[in-house]
Amino acid sequence: MQNLPSPPVGGWKAKRLKDVAFYPQDRISTDLLTPSNYVGVDNLLQDKKGKIDASFILEKGGTTNAYMPNDILISNIRPYLKKIWFADTNGGTNNDVIVLRPKDVKTLAPRFLYYLLSDDGFFEYEMRHTKGLKMPRGDKGSVLDYQIPLPPLETQEQIISVLTQIEQEIARLDAEIATLQGKEQEILQEFLGKEREREREREREIAKT
């Protein structure tokens, strides 16, 4: 795995999010929504785990906020849950989900922006600017004031490469863990099944006496 590039002595230049990204105003017909392309707060997974298919989609006959591949979708409800997804398809969402898109992909790589916004520091920043106590909601204006480092595009791509390799390794290990957990349950159930059968046999013997 390659090493991360070192920043200059003074660090990478910083930009406010609103200088390099924006909230797109695209709309999509709700007739085109499916469980796999509709993204709401409920089917975004916490702790940056992406999303699952939606169990609920908006009623047909209207329009809603649209997103496209390489957009970043972030739950604006309870930011401490860290719900974020890097879009790989076209679809729709609602006002409780923020959609962010780089203004110029030659200046800011979409996946680099996704990694920057996946940082715990971003969610902590969001929590400092929330409204409401029971179900805190992020402030979209404050989100655009968030500062991010902006290295050259070549450096961004190097960082993306390193982080992507790490993500792939995490996914591989997660799959191995899931397989081992399944085997663990099989062994446990086999053991318990034999124990239950022995217990039933003892009960039958007692009943005969």
Protein backbone atom coordinates (compact mmCIF):
# COMPACT_ATOMS: atom_id res chain seq x y z
CA MET A 1 0.00 0.00 0.00
CA GLN A 2 1.44 3.35 -1.03
CA ASN A 3 2.13 6.08 1.52
CA LEU A 4 0.03 9.21 1.78
CA PRO A 5 1.61 12.30 0.20
CA SER A 6 3.07 14.76 2.69
CA PRO A 7 1.50 18.23 2.89
CA PRO A 8 3.65 21.34 2.39
CA VAL A 9 5.12 23.04 5.46
CA GLY A 10 2.19 25.43 5.75
CA GLY A 11 -0.38 22.71 5.06
CA TRP A 12 -2.74 22.44 2.12
CA LYS A 13 -4.74 25.54 1.30
CA ALA A 14 -8.18 25.53 2.92
CA LYS A 15 -11.49 26.32 1.27
CA ARG A 16 -14.98 26.73 2.62
CA LEU A 17 -17.29 24.06 1.31
CA LYS A 18 -19.48 26.65 -0.41
CA ASP A 19 -16.49 27.73 -2.52
CA VAL A 20 -15.99 24.29 -4.05
CA ALA A 21 -19.33 22.47 -3.70
CA PHE A 22 -23.05 23.21 -3.82
CA TYR A 23 -26.51 21.85 -3.14
CA PRO A 24 -27.92 20.80 -6.54
CA GLN A 25 -31.52 21.78 -7.22
CA ASP A 26 -32.30 18.88 -9.60
CA ARG A 27 -35.73 17.25 -9.31
CA ILE A 28 -36.91 13.75 -10.13
CA SER A 29 -40.41 12.37 -10.64
CA THR A 30 -41.51 10.20 -7.73
CA ASP A 31 -42.87 7.82 -10.39
CA LEU A 32 -39.23 6.84 -11.05
CA LEU A 33 -38.40 5.99 -7.46
CA THR A 34 -37.78 2.41 -6.34
CA PRO A 35 -36.60 0.91 -3.05
CA SER A 36 -33.07 0.77 -4.48
CA ASN A 37 -32.79 4.39 -5.69
CA TYR A 38 -34.76 6.24 -3.02
CA VAL A 39 -32.61 7.46 -0.15
CA GLY A 40 -34.17 8.64 3.08
CA VAL A 41 -32.83 9.03 6.59
CA ASP A 42 -34.15 5.59 7.55
CA ASN A 43 -32.28 3.59 4.92
CA LEU A 44 -28.98 5.41 5.33
CA LEU A 45 -26.85 3.32 7.67
CA GLN A 46 -25.13 4.84 10.66
CA ASP A 47 -21.36 4.88 11.17
CA LYS A 48 -20.69 5.55 7.48
CA LYS A 49 -21.90 2.13 6.33
CA GLY A 50 -23.67 3.39 3.21
CA LYS A 51 -27.31 2.50 2.62
CA ILE A 52 -29.78 -0.34 2.19
CA ASP A 53 -32.93 -0.53 0.08
CA ALA A 54 -35.75 1.65 1.35
CA SER A 55 -38.78 0.09 3.01
CA PHE A 56 -40.76 3.24 2.22
CA ILE A 57 -40.76 5.50 -0.84
CA LEU A 58 -42.62 8.70 -1.63
CA GLU A 59 -46.06 8.59 -3.23
CA LYS A 60 -46.20 8.70 -7.01
CA GLY A 61 -47.42 11.73 -8.91
CA GLY A 62 -45.00 14.33 -7.56
CA THR A 63 -41.36 15.37 -7.66
CA THR A 64 -38.58 15.37 -5.10
CA ASN A 65 -34.89 16.18 -4.75
CA ALA A 66 -32.70 14.25 -7.17
CA TYR A 67 -29.15 12.97 -6.94
CA MET A 68 -26.74 11.54 -9.48
CA PRO A 69 -23.64 9.31 -9.41
CA ASN A 70 -20.72 10.80 -7.43
CA ASP A 71 -22.97 13.01 -5.31
CA ILE A 72 -22.52 12.83 -1.54
CA LEU A 73 -25.69 12.20 0.50
CA ILE A 74 -25.69 12.99 4.22
CA SER A 75 -28.50 12.63 6.74
CA ASN A 76 -29.33 16.04 8.17
CA ILE A 77 -31.14 14.49 11.15
CA ARG A 78 -29.09 13.48 14.22
CA PRO A 79 -25.65 14.02 12.63
CA TYR A 80 -24.00 12.05 15.45
CA LEU A 81 -25.24 8.87 13.72
CA LYS A 82 -22.76 9.61 10.90
CA LYS A 83 -24.98 8.60 7.98
CA ILE A 84 -23.29 9.28 4.66
CA TRP A 85 -23.29 7.63 1.23
CA PHE A 86 -21.32 8.11 -2.00
CA ALA A 87 -23.93 7.78 -4.74
CA ASP A 88 -23.32 5.29 -7.55
CA THR A 89 -26.64 5.71 -9.35
CA ASN A 90 -29.38 8.23 -10.14
CA GLY A 91 -32.26 8.55 -7.73
CA GLY A 92 -34.24 10.71 -5.36
CA THR A 93 -34.21 11.78 -1.74
CA ASN A 94 -36.01 14.23 0.55
CA ASN A 95 -35.36 17.42 2.50
CA ASP A 96 -33.94 15.51 5.47
CA VAL A 97 -30.98 14.36 3.37
CA ILE A 98 -28.30 16.77 2.16
CA VAL A 99 -27.01 16.32 -1.38
CA LEU A 100 -23.59 17.81 -2.12
CA ARG A 101 -21.81 18.03 -5.46
CA PRO A 102 -18.39 19.49 -6.36
CA LYS A 103 -18.54 22.60 -8.53
CA ASP A 104 -15.52 21.53 -10.61
CA VAL A 105 -14.28 17.94 -10.62
CA LYS A 106 -10.94 19.16 -12.00
CA THR A 107 -10.45 21.03 -8.74
CA LEU A 108 -12.18 18.73 -6.27
CA ALA A 109 -12.57 15.00 -6.89
CA PRO A 110 -16.03 13.81 -5.74
CA ARG A 111 -14.69 10.80 -3.84
CA PHE A 112 -12.08 12.98 -2.13
CA LEU A 113 -14.89 15.23 -0.93
CA TYR A 114 -16.75 12.14 0.28
CA TYR A 115 -13.74 11.06 2.35
CA LEU A 116 -13.34 14.55 3.82
CA LEU A 117 -16.99 14.60 4.87
CA SER A 118 -16.73 11.06 6.28
CA ASP A 119 -14.25 12.36 8.83
CA ASP A 120 -15.55 12.42 12.41
CA GLY A 121 -14.53 16.06 12.59
CA PHE A 122 -17.21 16.98 10.06
CA PHE A 123 -19.98 15.30 12.06
CA GLU A 124 -18.72 16.94 15.24
CA TYR A 125 -18.84 20.29 13.43
CA GLU A 126 -22.40 19.55 12.32
CA MET A 127 -23.44 18.74 15.88
CA ARG A 128 -22.12 22.09 17.07
CA HIS A 129 -24.50 23.81 14.65
CA THR A 130 -27.64 21.72 15.08
CA LYS A 131 -31.10 22.93 16.03
CA GLY A 132 -33.42 21.04 18.36
CA LEU A 133 -32.71 18.71 21.26
CA LYS A 134 -34.85 15.59 20.85
CA MET A 135 -34.00 15.14 17.17
CA PRO A 136 -31.18 17.58 16.31
CA ARG A 137 -31.16 18.83 12.74
CA GLY A 138 -28.05 20.13 10.99
CA ASP A 139 -27.91 23.68 9.68
CA LYS A 140 -27.38 23.62 5.91
CA GLY A 141 -25.90 27.11 5.90
CA SER A 142 -23.29 26.15 8.48
CA VAL A 143 -22.43 23.02 6.51
CA LEU A 144 -21.37 25.18 3.58
CA ASP A 145 -19.09 27.17 5.90
CA TYR A 146 -17.17 24.02 6.85
CA GLN A 147 -13.51 24.31 5.86
CA ILE A 148 -11.72 21.53 3.98
CA PRO A 149 -8.11 21.13 2.83
CA LEU A 150 -7.74 21.30 -0.93
CA PRO A 151 -4.52 19.73 -2.23
CA PRO A 152 -3.82 19.46 -5.99
CA LEU A 153 -6.01 17.00 -7.88
CA GLU A 154 -3.10 14.58 -8.35
CA THR A 155 -2.61 14.47 -4.59
CA GLN A 156 -6.33 13.96 -4.05
CA GLU A 157 -6.23 10.94 -6.37
CA GLN A 158 -3.29 9.47 -4.44
CA ILE A 159 -5.18 9.83 -1.17
CA ILE A 160 -8.30 8.31 -2.75
CA SER A 161 -6.24 5.32 -3.90
CA VAL A 162 -4.89 4.66 -0.41
CA LEU A 163 -8.26 5.04 1.32
CA THR A 164 -10.02 2.89 -1.29
CA GLN A 165 -7.54 0.08 -0.65
CA ILE A 166 -8.22 0.34 3.07
CA GLU A 167 -11.99 0.24 2.47
CA GLN A 168 -11.62 -2.87 0.32
CA GLU A 169 -9.57 -4.57 3.03
CA ILE A 170 -12.17 -3.65 5.66
CA ALA A 171 -14.92 -5.11 3.43
CA ARG A 172 -12.90 -8.32 3.01
CA LEU A 173 -12.36 -8.65 6.76
CA ASP A 174 -16.03 -7.91 7.47
CA ALA A 175 -16.99 -10.73 5.09
CA GLU A 176 -14.57 -13.11 6.82
CA ILE A 177 -15.95 -12.14 10.23
CA ALA A 178 -19.51 -12.74 9.04
CA THR A 179 -18.50 -16.20 7.74
CA LEU A 180 -16.79 -17.10 11.01
CA GLN A 181 -19.76 -15.88 13.03
CA GLY A 182 -22.01 -18.10 10.92
CA LYS A 183 -19.76 -21.11 11.57
CA GLU A 184 -19.73 -20.27 15.27
CA GLN A 185 -23.52 -20.37 15.36
CA GLU A 186 -23.60 -23.66 13.44
CA ILE A 187 -21.23 -25.29 15.94
CA LEU A 188 -23.14 -23.87 18.89
CA GLN A 189 -26.50 -25.02 17.53
CA GLU A 190 -25.10 -28.50 16.81
CA PHE A 191 -23.74 -28.74 20.36
CA LEU A 192 -26.94 -27.44 21.94
CA GLY A 193 -29.01 -29.75 19.76
CA LYS A 194 -27.09 -32.78 21.04
CA GLU A 195 -27.38 -31.55 24.62
CA ARG A 196 -31.13 -31.08 24.25
CA GLU A 197 -31.48 -34.57 22.81
CA ARG A 198 -29.51 -36.06 25.72
CA GLU A 199 -31.71 -34.14 28.16
CA ARG A 200 -34.86 -35.48 26.49
CA GLU A 201 -33.39 -39.00 26.66
CA ARG A 202 -32.72 -38.61 30.39
CA GLU A 203 -36.30 -37.39 30.90
CA ARG A 204 -37.65 -40.43 29.04
CA GLU A 205 -35.55 -42.77 31.19
CA ILE A 206 -36.81 -41.08 34.35
CA ALA A 207 -40.38 -41.37 33.13
CA LYS A 208 -39.98 -45.13 32.70
CA THR A 209 -38.99 -45.64 36.34
